[in-house]
């Protein structure tokens, strides 16, 4: 097998073909823009080495295929992958700055999160975590873990091992038309149910 980190580093090299100001590509750069997509918190990759791959030109006798899944997915047409400005200047509530990246302080998964539990905005201790969401809910970082009908959510890692080992409502599916935080309800399926979290006004 191949270390997926190698593939991600190669995708990062596509940045030479991406122009941020005009949000355009001179060649292939979709891997790069996904790797740096600001709202993608979770990454899971796998690789498979094959002696032959059908459908490729005859000069390719085989190779290694690397596939990565991102939560939240990016590469939305007409949307820049990140906001230009000072690093960590727009981190959502409950996030801290680590390595010039916004890190979810309540994420206790084996990912790059700080592992601590942050229940207030740093520097604003009197403001509790949001119990409402904005936009499509993809930036919601609260701790609600029940559906609108009162059912307890499944742990995300039960469905996708690369997602956090918690059952907080999230919207990892905005690109598929989901417009509010949801959670998984049935092991072995992709059945989600809305959490009924109110939209911020």
N, C-alpha and C. Protein backbone atom coordinates (compact mmCIF):
# COMPACT_ATOMS: atom_id res chain seq x y z
N UNK A 1 0.83 -1.20 0.00
CA UNK A 1 0.00 0.00 0.00
C UNK A 1 0.87 1.25 0.00
N UNK A 2 0.24 2.36 -0.29
CA UNK A 2 0.92 3.65 -0.36
C UNK A 2 0.43 4.51 0.80
N UNK A 3 1.31 5.29 1.37
CA UNK A 3 0.93 6.22 2.42
C UNK A 3 0.08 7.33 1.79
N UNK A 4 -1.21 7.45 2.18
CA UNK A 4 -2.07 8.49 1.59
C UNK A 4 -1.53 9.90 1.79
N UNK A 5 -0.67 10.10 2.79
CA UNK A 5 -0.08 11.41 3.01
C UNK A 5 0.68 11.87 1.76
N UNK A 6 1.34 10.92 1.09
CA UNK A 6 2.08 11.23 -0.13
C UNK A 6 1.15 11.80 -1.19
N UNK A 7 -0.03 11.20 -1.34
CA UNK A 7 -1.00 11.69 -2.33
C UNK A 7 -1.47 13.09 -1.97
N UNK A 8 -1.78 13.32 -0.70
CA UNK A 8 -2.26 14.63 -0.28
C UNK A 8 -1.18 15.69 -0.52
N UNK A 9 0.08 15.35 -0.26
CA UNK A 9 1.18 16.29 -0.53
C UNK A 9 1.27 16.59 -2.03
N UNK A 10 1.05 15.59 -2.88
CA UNK A 10 1.06 15.82 -4.33
C UNK A 10 -0.10 16.72 -4.74
N UNK A 11 -1.25 16.50 -4.13
CA UNK A 11 -2.40 17.36 -4.44
C UNK A 11 -2.11 18.80 -4.05
N UNK A 12 -1.41 18.99 -2.93
CA UNK A 12 -1.06 20.33 -2.50
C UNK A 12 -0.17 21.02 -3.53
N UNK A 13 0.61 20.26 -4.28
CA UNK A 13 1.50 20.86 -5.28
C UNK A 13 0.72 21.50 -6.43
N UNK A 14 -0.59 21.20 -6.53
CA UNK A 14 -1.43 21.81 -7.58
C UNK A 14 -1.68 23.29 -7.33
N UNK A 15 -1.30 23.80 -6.15
CA UNK A 15 -1.58 25.21 -5.84
C UNK A 15 -0.93 26.16 -6.83
N UNK A 16 0.11 25.71 -7.51
CA UNK A 16 0.76 26.57 -8.52
C UNK A 16 -0.20 26.86 -9.68
N UNK A 17 -1.23 26.01 -9.87
CA UNK A 17 -2.18 26.20 -10.96
C UNK A 17 -3.45 26.93 -10.54
N UNK A 18 -3.53 27.31 -9.26
CA UNK A 18 -4.74 27.96 -8.74
C UNK A 18 -4.47 29.44 -8.47
N UNK A 19 -5.39 30.30 -8.93
CA UNK A 19 -5.31 31.74 -8.66
C UNK A 19 -6.45 32.12 -7.73
N UNK A 20 -6.10 32.49 -6.50
CA UNK A 20 -7.11 32.76 -5.48
C UNK A 20 -8.01 33.94 -5.86
N UNK A 21 -7.41 35.08 -6.28
CA UNK A 21 -8.21 36.29 -6.52
C UNK A 21 -9.32 36.07 -7.53
N UNK A 22 -9.04 35.34 -8.60
CA UNK A 22 -10.07 35.08 -9.62
C UNK A 22 -10.75 33.73 -9.42
N UNK A 23 -10.28 32.95 -8.44
CA UNK A 23 -10.84 31.62 -8.16
C UNK A 23 -10.85 30.76 -9.42
N UNK A 24 -9.70 30.73 -10.13
CA UNK A 24 -9.60 29.98 -11.38
C UNK A 24 -8.40 29.04 -11.35
N UNK A 25 -8.47 28.03 -12.24
CA UNK A 25 -7.40 27.04 -12.40
C UNK A 25 -6.82 27.16 -13.79
N UNK A 26 -5.49 27.10 -13.90
CA UNK A 26 -4.87 27.07 -15.22
C UNK A 26 -4.68 25.64 -15.71
N UNK A 27 -4.79 24.69 -14.79
CA UNK A 27 -4.66 23.27 -15.11
C UNK A 27 -5.50 22.53 -14.07
N UNK A 28 -5.07 21.39 -13.61
CA UNK A 28 -5.79 20.64 -12.58
C UNK A 28 -5.47 21.22 -11.21
N UNK A 29 -6.49 21.58 -10.44
CA UNK A 29 -6.23 22.07 -9.08
C UNK A 29 -7.34 21.69 -8.11
N UNK A 30 -8.29 20.86 -8.52
CA UNK A 30 -9.39 20.47 -7.65
C UNK A 30 -8.98 19.68 -6.43
N UNK A 31 -7.88 18.92 -6.53
CA UNK A 31 -7.39 18.21 -5.35
C UNK A 31 -6.89 19.21 -4.32
N UNK A 32 -6.11 20.20 -4.80
CA UNK A 32 -5.57 21.22 -3.90
C UNK A 32 -6.69 21.99 -3.21
N UNK A 33 -7.67 22.46 -3.99
CA UNK A 33 -8.72 23.27 -3.37
C UNK A 33 -9.52 22.46 -2.36
N UNK A 34 -9.67 21.16 -2.55
CA UNK A 34 -10.36 20.34 -1.54
C UNK A 34 -9.49 20.18 -0.30
N UNK A 35 -8.19 19.95 -0.48
CA UNK A 35 -7.29 19.76 0.66
C UNK A 35 -7.29 20.99 1.56
N UNK A 36 -7.39 22.19 0.97
CA UNK A 36 -7.34 23.42 1.77
C UNK A 36 -8.73 23.99 2.07
N UNK A 37 -9.80 23.26 1.72
CA UNK A 37 -11.15 23.77 1.92
C UNK A 37 -11.37 24.08 3.40
N UNK A 38 -11.75 25.31 3.70
CA UNK A 38 -11.79 25.81 5.08
C UNK A 38 -12.75 25.04 5.98
N UNK A 39 -13.86 24.55 5.46
CA UNK A 39 -14.85 23.88 6.30
C UNK A 39 -14.69 22.37 6.37
N UNK A 40 -13.66 21.82 5.75
CA UNK A 40 -13.41 20.38 5.84
C UNK A 40 -12.60 20.09 7.09
N UNK A 41 -13.21 19.39 8.04
CA UNK A 41 -12.54 19.10 9.31
C UNK A 41 -11.98 17.68 9.36
N UNK A 42 -12.60 16.77 8.65
CA UNK A 42 -12.25 15.36 8.80
C UNK A 42 -11.82 14.78 7.47
N UNK A 43 -10.84 13.92 7.51
CA UNK A 43 -10.28 13.33 6.30
C UNK A 43 -10.02 11.86 6.55
N UNK A 44 -10.50 11.03 5.66
CA UNK A 44 -10.21 9.60 5.71
C UNK A 44 -9.76 9.14 4.35
N UNK A 45 -8.64 8.47 4.26
CA UNK A 45 -8.08 8.03 2.98
C UNK A 45 -7.80 6.54 3.00
N UNK A 46 -7.83 5.94 1.83
CA UNK A 46 -7.47 4.54 1.67
C UNK A 46 -6.76 4.40 0.33
N UNK A 47 -5.97 3.34 0.19
CA UNK A 47 -5.28 3.11 -1.07
C UNK A 47 -5.38 1.64 -1.46
N UNK A 48 -5.29 1.39 -2.75
CA UNK A 48 -5.31 0.03 -3.28
C UNK A 48 -4.33 -0.03 -4.45
N UNK A 49 -3.38 -0.95 -4.37
CA UNK A 49 -2.41 -1.14 -5.45
C UNK A 49 -2.92 -2.26 -6.35
N UNK A 50 -2.94 -1.99 -7.65
CA UNK A 50 -3.45 -2.94 -8.64
C UNK A 50 -2.37 -3.21 -9.69
N UNK A 51 -2.27 -4.46 -10.13
CA UNK A 51 -1.29 -4.79 -11.16
C UNK A 51 -1.76 -4.31 -12.53
N UNK A 52 -3.07 -4.16 -12.71
CA UNK A 52 -3.59 -3.60 -13.95
C UNK A 52 -4.87 -2.83 -13.63
N UNK A 53 -5.11 -1.79 -14.40
CA UNK A 53 -6.30 -0.96 -14.21
C UNK A 53 -6.93 -0.79 -15.58
N UNK A 54 -8.17 -1.25 -15.74
CA UNK A 54 -8.82 -1.15 -17.05
C UNK A 54 -9.28 0.28 -17.29
N UNK A 55 -9.33 0.64 -18.57
CA UNK A 55 -9.80 1.95 -18.96
C UNK A 55 -8.72 3.01 -19.06
N UNK A 56 -7.48 2.66 -18.75
CA UNK A 56 -6.38 3.61 -18.86
C UNK A 56 -5.58 3.33 -20.13
N UNK A 57 -4.82 4.32 -20.62
CA UNK A 57 -3.98 4.08 -21.80
C UNK A 57 -3.02 2.92 -21.54
N UNK A 58 -2.60 2.24 -22.60
CA UNK A 58 -1.76 1.05 -22.47
C UNK A 58 -0.42 1.34 -21.81
N UNK A 59 0.01 2.59 -21.76
CA UNK A 59 1.28 2.91 -21.12
C UNK A 59 1.20 2.75 -19.60
N UNK A 60 -0.02 2.67 -19.07
CA UNK A 60 -0.20 2.43 -17.63
C UNK A 60 -0.47 0.94 -17.42
N UNK A 61 0.43 0.26 -16.76
CA UNK A 61 0.25 -1.17 -16.54
C UNK A 61 -0.36 -1.46 -15.18
N UNK A 62 -0.40 -0.52 -14.33
CA UNK A 62 -0.94 -0.69 -12.98
C UNK A 62 -0.62 0.52 -12.16
N UNK A 63 -0.93 0.45 -10.90
CA UNK A 63 -0.62 1.58 -10.04
C UNK A 63 -1.40 1.50 -8.75
N UNK A 64 -1.34 2.57 -8.02
CA UNK A 64 -2.04 2.66 -6.74
C UNK A 64 -3.10 3.74 -6.83
N UNK A 65 -4.30 3.38 -6.45
CA UNK A 65 -5.41 4.32 -6.41
C UNK A 65 -5.57 4.78 -4.97
N UNK A 66 -5.63 6.09 -4.78
CA UNK A 66 -5.86 6.67 -3.46
C UNK A 66 -7.19 7.41 -3.50
N UNK A 67 -8.06 7.11 -2.55
CA UNK A 67 -9.35 7.77 -2.45
C UNK A 67 -9.45 8.39 -1.07
N UNK A 68 -9.87 9.65 -1.02
CA UNK A 68 -10.07 10.32 0.26
C UNK A 68 -11.49 10.87 0.34
N UNK A 69 -12.08 10.77 1.49
CA UNK A 69 -13.39 11.36 1.76
C UNK A 69 -13.20 12.47 2.78
N UNK A 70 -13.92 13.56 2.55
CA UNK A 70 -13.80 14.73 3.40
C UNK A 70 -15.14 15.05 4.04
N UNK A 71 -15.11 15.49 5.26
CA UNK A 71 -16.32 15.96 5.93
C UNK A 71 -16.01 17.32 6.53
N UNK A 72 -16.59 18.27 6.10
CA UNK A 72 -17.51 18.58 5.02
C UNK A 72 -16.77 18.58 3.69
N UNK A 73 -17.44 18.14 2.66
CA UNK A 73 -16.84 18.18 1.34
C UNK A 73 -16.78 19.62 0.84
N UNK A 74 -15.88 19.88 -0.07
CA UNK A 74 -15.73 21.23 -0.61
C UNK A 74 -15.90 21.25 -2.10
N UNK A 75 -15.13 22.11 -2.74
CA UNK A 75 -15.15 22.30 -4.19
C UNK A 75 -16.54 22.64 -4.70
N UNK A 76 -17.14 23.65 -4.09
CA UNK A 76 -18.44 24.14 -4.58
C UNK A 76 -18.18 25.18 -5.66
N UNK A 77 -18.85 25.02 -6.78
CA UNK A 77 -18.64 25.90 -7.93
C UNK A 77 -18.87 27.37 -7.53
N UNK A 78 -17.91 28.22 -7.88
CA UNK A 78 -18.03 29.65 -7.63
C UNK A 78 -17.67 30.08 -6.21
N UNK A 79 -17.27 29.14 -5.35
CA UNK A 79 -16.93 29.46 -3.95
C UNK A 79 -15.43 29.25 -3.76
N UNK A 80 -14.79 30.23 -3.16
CA UNK A 80 -13.36 30.10 -2.86
C UNK A 80 -13.17 29.12 -1.72
N UNK A 81 -12.04 28.40 -1.70
CA UNK A 81 -11.85 27.35 -0.69
C UNK A 81 -11.63 27.87 0.72
N UNK A 82 -11.25 29.12 0.86
CA UNK A 82 -11.02 29.71 2.18
C UNK A 82 -11.15 31.22 2.05
N UNK A 83 -11.27 31.89 3.18
CA UNK A 83 -11.37 33.34 3.21
C UNK A 83 -9.97 33.91 3.39
N UNK A 84 -9.63 34.89 2.59
CA UNK A 84 -8.32 35.53 2.68
C UNK A 84 -8.28 36.40 3.93
N UNK A 85 -7.15 36.38 4.63
CA UNK A 85 -6.99 37.20 5.82
C UNK A 85 -6.07 36.54 6.82
N UNK A 86 -6.06 37.09 8.02
CA UNK A 86 -5.20 36.55 9.08
C UNK A 86 -5.65 35.15 9.47
N UNK A 87 -4.71 34.25 9.69
CA UNK A 87 -5.03 32.88 10.11
C UNK A 87 -5.86 32.90 11.37
N UNK A 88 -6.87 32.06 11.41
CA UNK A 88 -7.72 31.84 12.59
C UNK A 88 -8.54 33.07 12.99
N UNK A 89 -8.67 34.06 12.12
CA UNK A 89 -9.41 35.26 12.49
C UNK A 89 -10.92 35.05 12.45
N UNK A 90 -11.39 33.94 11.88
CA UNK A 90 -12.83 33.68 11.80
C UNK A 90 -13.19 32.31 12.33
N UNK A 91 -12.46 31.81 13.33
CA UNK A 91 -12.78 30.49 13.90
C UNK A 91 -14.14 30.55 14.57
N UNK A 92 -14.99 29.52 14.38
CA UNK A 92 -16.29 29.50 15.05
C UNK A 92 -16.13 29.32 16.56
N UNK A 93 -17.19 29.59 17.30
CA UNK A 93 -17.19 29.38 18.74
C UNK A 93 -16.82 27.95 19.08
N UNK A 94 -16.04 27.77 20.13
CA UNK A 94 -15.62 26.44 20.55
C UNK A 94 -14.37 25.95 19.85
N UNK A 95 -13.83 26.73 18.93
CA UNK A 95 -12.62 26.35 18.20
C UNK A 95 -11.45 27.17 18.72
N UNK A 96 -10.25 26.59 18.63
CA UNK A 96 -9.03 27.29 19.00
C UNK A 96 -8.11 27.31 17.79
N UNK A 97 -7.06 28.09 17.87
CA UNK A 97 -6.10 28.18 16.78
C UNK A 97 -4.90 27.29 17.09
N UNK A 98 -4.58 26.38 16.18
CA UNK A 98 -3.44 25.49 16.35
C UNK A 98 -2.78 25.31 14.99
N UNK A 99 -1.52 25.66 14.88
CA UNK A 99 -0.82 25.52 13.60
C UNK A 99 -1.45 26.34 12.50
N UNK A 100 -1.98 27.52 12.83
CA UNK A 100 -2.67 28.41 11.89
C UNK A 100 -3.95 27.82 11.33
N UNK A 101 -4.54 26.85 12.03
CA UNK A 101 -5.81 26.24 11.63
C UNK A 101 -6.80 26.34 12.77
N UNK A 102 -8.08 26.47 12.45
CA UNK A 102 -9.13 26.43 13.46
C UNK A 102 -9.34 24.97 13.84
N UNK A 103 -9.25 24.67 15.13
CA UNK A 103 -9.36 23.30 15.62
C UNK A 103 -10.52 23.21 16.59
N UNK A 104 -11.39 22.22 16.38
CA UNK A 104 -12.55 22.02 17.24
C UNK A 104 -12.07 21.50 18.59
N UNK A 105 -12.21 22.31 19.62
CA UNK A 105 -11.76 21.93 20.96
C UNK A 105 -12.54 20.81 21.57
N UNK A 106 -13.77 20.52 21.07
CA UNK A 106 -14.57 19.44 21.66
C UNK A 106 -14.38 18.12 20.94
N UNK A 107 -13.57 18.10 19.87
CA UNK A 107 -13.33 16.87 19.11
C UNK A 107 -12.33 16.01 19.87
N UNK A 108 -12.79 14.87 20.36
CA UNK A 108 -11.90 13.98 21.10
C UNK A 108 -11.49 12.79 20.27
N UNK A 109 -11.64 12.91 18.94
CA UNK A 109 -11.22 11.82 18.06
C UNK A 109 -9.71 11.80 17.97
N UNK A 110 -9.17 10.85 17.23
CA UNK A 110 -7.72 10.73 17.11
C UNK A 110 -7.15 11.69 16.08
N UNK A 111 -7.97 12.59 15.57
CA UNK A 111 -7.51 13.56 14.58
C UNK A 111 -6.65 14.63 15.21
N UNK A 112 -6.57 15.77 14.53
CA UNK A 112 -5.67 16.83 14.99
C UNK A 112 -6.30 17.74 16.01
N UNK A 113 -7.50 17.44 16.49
CA UNK A 113 -8.15 18.29 17.48
C UNK A 113 -7.37 18.33 18.77
N UNK A 114 -7.65 19.37 19.55
CA UNK A 114 -6.89 19.55 20.79
C UNK A 114 -7.28 18.55 21.85
N UNK A 115 -8.44 17.91 21.72
CA UNK A 115 -8.84 16.88 22.66
C UNK A 115 -9.49 17.43 23.90
N UNK A 116 -9.40 18.73 24.12
CA UNK A 116 -10.04 19.33 25.29
C UNK A 116 -11.50 19.57 25.03
N UNK A 117 -12.23 19.92 26.06
CA UNK A 117 -13.64 20.23 25.90
C UNK A 117 -13.83 21.71 26.13
N UNK A 118 -14.16 22.44 25.10
CA UNK A 118 -14.36 23.87 25.20
C UNK A 118 -15.85 24.14 25.15
N UNK A 119 -16.38 24.77 26.18
CA UNK A 119 -17.81 25.02 26.23
C UNK A 119 -18.16 26.48 26.05
N UNK A 120 -17.19 27.35 25.92
CA UNK A 120 -17.45 28.75 25.65
C UNK A 120 -16.46 29.26 24.63
N UNK A 121 -16.81 30.39 24.01
CA UNK A 121 -15.88 31.01 23.09
C UNK A 121 -14.67 31.49 23.87
N UNK A 122 -13.44 31.16 23.44
CA UNK A 122 -12.26 31.66 24.14
C UNK A 122 -12.28 33.19 24.17
N UNK A 123 -12.04 33.77 25.32
CA UNK A 123 -12.05 35.22 25.46
C UNK A 123 -13.43 35.79 25.73
N UNK A 124 -14.46 34.99 25.57
CA UNK A 124 -15.83 35.43 25.83
C UNK A 124 -16.52 34.39 26.71
N UNK A 125 -16.00 34.22 27.91
CA UNK A 125 -16.46 33.13 28.77
C UNK A 125 -17.95 33.21 29.13
N UNK A 126 -18.57 34.38 28.96
CA UNK A 126 -19.98 34.51 29.29
C UNK A 126 -20.90 34.14 28.14
N UNK A 127 -20.31 33.81 26.99
CA UNK A 127 -21.13 33.43 25.83
C UNK A 127 -21.05 31.92 25.66
N UNK A 128 -22.13 31.18 25.94
CA UNK A 128 -22.08 29.72 25.80
C UNK A 128 -22.04 29.32 24.33
N UNK A 129 -21.69 28.04 24.10
CA UNK A 129 -21.73 27.50 22.74
C UNK A 129 -23.07 27.81 22.10
N UNK A 130 -23.06 28.00 20.82
CA UNK A 130 -24.29 28.28 20.09
C UNK A 130 -25.26 27.12 20.22
N UNK A 131 -26.51 27.45 20.52
CA UNK A 131 -27.54 26.43 20.50
C UNK A 131 -28.46 26.70 19.32
N UNK A 132 -27.92 27.40 18.33
CA UNK A 132 -28.63 27.64 17.07
C UNK A 132 -27.58 27.54 15.96
N UNK A 133 -28.05 27.47 14.72
CA UNK A 133 -27.11 27.35 13.61
C UNK A 133 -27.35 28.46 12.60
N UNK A 134 -26.33 28.73 11.78
CA UNK A 134 -26.44 29.73 10.72
C UNK A 134 -26.30 29.03 9.38
N UNK A 135 -26.78 29.71 8.33
CA UNK A 135 -26.65 29.18 6.97
C UNK A 135 -27.25 27.79 6.84
N UNK A 136 -26.46 26.85 6.31
CA UNK A 136 -26.93 25.47 6.14
C UNK A 136 -26.56 24.58 7.32
N UNK A 137 -26.01 25.17 8.38
CA UNK A 137 -25.67 24.39 9.57
C UNK A 137 -24.34 23.70 9.51
N UNK A 138 -23.57 23.88 8.43
CA UNK A 138 -22.30 23.16 8.30
C UNK A 138 -21.24 23.66 9.27
N UNK A 139 -21.43 24.84 9.86
CA UNK A 139 -20.45 25.34 10.84
C UNK A 139 -20.93 25.15 12.28
N UNK A 140 -22.08 24.50 12.46
CA UNK A 140 -22.60 24.29 13.83
C UNK A 140 -21.63 23.42 14.62
N UNK A 141 -21.29 23.85 15.84
CA UNK A 141 -20.33 23.11 16.65
C UNK A 141 -20.83 22.89 18.08
N UNK A 142 -22.14 22.91 18.26
CA UNK A 142 -22.70 22.68 19.59
C UNK A 142 -22.67 21.22 20.00
N UNK A 143 -23.33 20.91 21.10
CA UNK A 143 -23.27 19.55 21.64
C UNK A 143 -24.63 18.86 21.69
N UNK A 144 -25.63 19.37 20.96
CA UNK A 144 -26.92 18.69 20.89
C UNK A 144 -26.70 17.31 20.29
N UNK A 145 -27.31 16.27 20.88
CA UNK A 145 -27.10 14.91 20.38
C UNK A 145 -28.40 14.11 20.36
N UNK A 146 -29.52 14.80 20.17
CA UNK A 146 -30.82 14.15 20.01
C UNK A 146 -31.52 14.74 18.80
N UNK A 147 -32.40 13.94 18.21
CA UNK A 147 -33.15 14.43 17.06
C UNK A 147 -34.34 15.25 17.54
N UNK A 148 -35.03 15.88 16.59
CA UNK A 148 -36.21 16.67 16.92
C UNK A 148 -37.27 15.81 17.59
N UNK A 149 -37.30 14.51 17.27
CA UNK A 149 -38.29 13.61 17.87
C UNK A 149 -37.81 13.01 19.19
N UNK A 150 -36.61 13.41 19.65
CA UNK A 150 -36.11 12.97 20.95
C UNK A 150 -35.26 11.71 20.94
N UNK A 151 -34.95 11.18 19.76
CA UNK A 151 -34.11 9.98 19.68
C UNK A 151 -32.64 10.35 19.86
N UNK A 152 -31.88 9.48 20.53
CA UNK A 152 -30.45 9.70 20.72
C UNK A 152 -29.70 9.39 19.43
N UNK A 153 -28.79 10.27 19.05
CA UNK A 153 -28.02 10.11 17.81
C UNK A 153 -26.98 9.01 17.96
N UNK A 154 -26.66 8.35 16.85
CA UNK A 154 -25.55 7.39 16.82
C UNK A 154 -24.23 8.15 16.80
N UNK A 155 -23.18 7.51 17.25
CA UNK A 155 -21.84 8.07 17.17
C UNK A 155 -21.42 8.11 15.70
N UNK A 156 -20.87 9.24 15.24
CA UNK A 156 -20.48 9.40 13.84
C UNK A 156 -19.51 8.32 13.39
N UNK A 157 -18.57 7.94 14.26
CA UNK A 157 -17.56 6.96 13.86
C UNK A 157 -18.16 5.57 13.66
N UNK A 158 -19.40 5.34 14.09
CA UNK A 158 -20.07 4.07 13.79
C UNK A 158 -20.30 3.92 12.30
N UNK A 159 -20.49 5.04 11.60
CA UNK A 159 -20.78 5.02 10.18
C UNK A 159 -19.53 5.29 9.35
N UNK A 160 -18.75 6.28 9.77
CA UNK A 160 -17.50 6.63 9.10
C UNK A 160 -16.40 6.68 10.14
N UNK A 161 -15.47 5.71 10.14
CA UNK A 161 -14.43 5.67 11.17
C UNK A 161 -13.57 6.92 11.26
N UNK A 162 -13.48 7.71 10.18
CA UNK A 162 -12.64 8.91 10.21
C UNK A 162 -13.35 10.11 10.83
N UNK A 163 -14.64 9.98 11.12
CA UNK A 163 -15.37 11.07 11.76
C UNK A 163 -15.24 10.95 13.28
N UNK A 164 -15.61 12.01 14.02
CA UNK A 164 -15.40 12.02 15.47
C UNK A 164 -16.14 10.91 16.20
N UNK A 165 -15.60 10.56 17.34
CA UNK A 165 -16.21 9.54 18.19
C UNK A 165 -17.17 10.23 19.17
N UNK A 166 -18.11 10.99 18.60
CA UNK A 166 -19.17 11.60 19.40
C UNK A 166 -20.45 11.56 18.59
N UNK A 167 -21.55 11.89 19.22
CA UNK A 167 -22.83 11.84 18.51
C UNK A 167 -23.48 13.22 18.44
N UNK A 168 -22.69 14.28 18.39
CA UNK A 168 -23.22 15.63 18.28
C UNK A 168 -23.81 15.86 16.90
N UNK A 169 -24.89 16.61 16.84
CA UNK A 169 -25.52 16.93 15.56
C UNK A 169 -24.57 17.78 14.72
N UNK A 170 -24.47 17.45 13.45
CA UNK A 170 -23.62 18.18 12.51
C UNK A 170 -24.28 18.16 11.14
N UNK A 171 -23.79 19.00 10.23
CA UNK A 171 -24.21 18.91 8.84
C UNK A 171 -22.98 18.71 7.97
N UNK A 172 -22.62 17.44 7.77
CA UNK A 172 -21.53 17.09 6.87
C UNK A 172 -22.04 16.90 5.44
N UNK A 173 -23.33 17.20 5.20
CA UNK A 173 -23.96 16.85 3.94
C UNK A 173 -24.54 18.04 3.19
N UNK A 174 -24.09 19.25 3.48
CA UNK A 174 -24.64 20.44 2.82
C UNK A 174 -24.54 20.32 1.31
N UNK A 175 -23.46 19.75 0.81
CA UNK A 175 -23.30 19.63 -0.65
C UNK A 175 -24.34 18.71 -1.27
N UNK A 176 -25.03 17.92 -0.45
CA UNK A 176 -26.05 17.02 -0.95
C UNK A 176 -27.46 17.55 -0.69
N UNK A 177 -27.57 18.82 -0.30
CA UNK A 177 -28.87 19.43 -0.12
C UNK A 177 -29.42 19.44 1.29
N UNK A 178 -28.70 18.87 2.26
CA UNK A 178 -29.15 18.92 3.66
C UNK A 178 -28.93 20.36 4.13
N UNK A 179 -29.93 20.95 4.80
CA UNK A 179 -29.88 22.37 5.13
C UNK A 179 -29.87 22.66 6.63
N UNK A 180 -29.62 21.66 7.46
CA UNK A 180 -29.58 21.86 8.91
C UNK A 180 -28.79 20.73 9.55
N UNK A 181 -28.38 20.90 10.82
CA UNK A 181 -27.66 19.82 11.50
C UNK A 181 -28.53 18.56 11.63
N UNK A 182 -27.91 17.41 11.42
CA UNK A 182 -28.59 16.11 11.47
C UNK A 182 -27.71 15.13 12.24
N UNK A 183 -28.23 13.92 12.43
CA UNK A 183 -27.39 12.85 12.97
C UNK A 183 -27.86 11.51 12.43
N UNK A 184 -26.96 10.52 12.51
CA UNK A 184 -27.27 9.17 12.04
C UNK A 184 -28.17 8.47 13.04
N UNK A 185 -29.09 7.67 12.51
CA UNK A 185 -30.07 7.00 13.35
C UNK A 185 -30.00 5.49 13.32
N UNK A 186 -29.41 4.90 12.30
CA UNK A 186 -29.45 3.46 12.14
C UNK A 186 -28.09 2.94 11.69
N UNK A 187 -27.49 2.07 12.49
CA UNK A 187 -26.19 1.50 12.13
C UNK A 187 -26.31 0.73 10.82
N UNK A 188 -25.29 0.84 9.97
CA UNK A 188 -25.27 0.11 8.71
C UNK A 188 -26.07 0.78 7.60
N UNK A 189 -26.66 1.94 7.87
CA UNK A 189 -27.40 2.66 6.84
C UNK A 189 -26.92 4.11 6.81
N UNK A 190 -27.43 4.85 5.87
CA UNK A 190 -27.11 6.27 5.79
C UNK A 190 -28.33 7.11 6.17
N UNK A 191 -29.19 6.56 7.01
CA UNK A 191 -30.40 7.26 7.43
C UNK A 191 -30.06 8.33 8.45
N UNK A 192 -30.37 9.58 8.13
CA UNK A 192 -30.16 10.69 9.05
C UNK A 192 -31.50 11.32 9.39
N UNK A 193 -31.52 11.99 10.52
CA UNK A 193 -32.74 12.67 10.96
C UNK A 193 -32.37 14.06 11.46
N UNK A 194 -33.20 15.08 11.17
CA UNK A 194 -32.90 16.44 11.64
C UNK A 194 -32.91 16.51 13.16
N UNK A 195 -32.08 17.39 13.69
CA UNK A 195 -31.97 17.54 15.14
C UNK A 195 -32.92 18.58 15.70
N UNK A 196 -33.53 19.38 14.84
CA UNK A 196 -34.48 20.38 15.32
C UNK A 196 -33.83 21.56 16.00
N UNK A 197 -32.55 21.77 15.75
CA UNK A 197 -31.85 22.92 16.33
C UNK A 197 -32.37 24.18 15.63
N UNK A 198 -32.72 25.21 16.40
CA UNK A 198 -33.26 26.42 15.76
C UNK A 198 -32.20 27.17 14.96
N UNK A 199 -32.66 27.86 13.92
CA UNK A 199 -31.76 28.69 13.13
C UNK A 199 -31.56 30.01 13.88
N UNK A 200 -30.33 30.50 13.91
CA UNK A 200 -30.03 31.77 14.59
C UNK A 200 -30.75 32.91 13.87
N UNK A 201 -31.24 33.86 14.65
CA UNK A 201 -31.92 35.02 14.06
C UNK A 201 -31.10 36.28 14.27
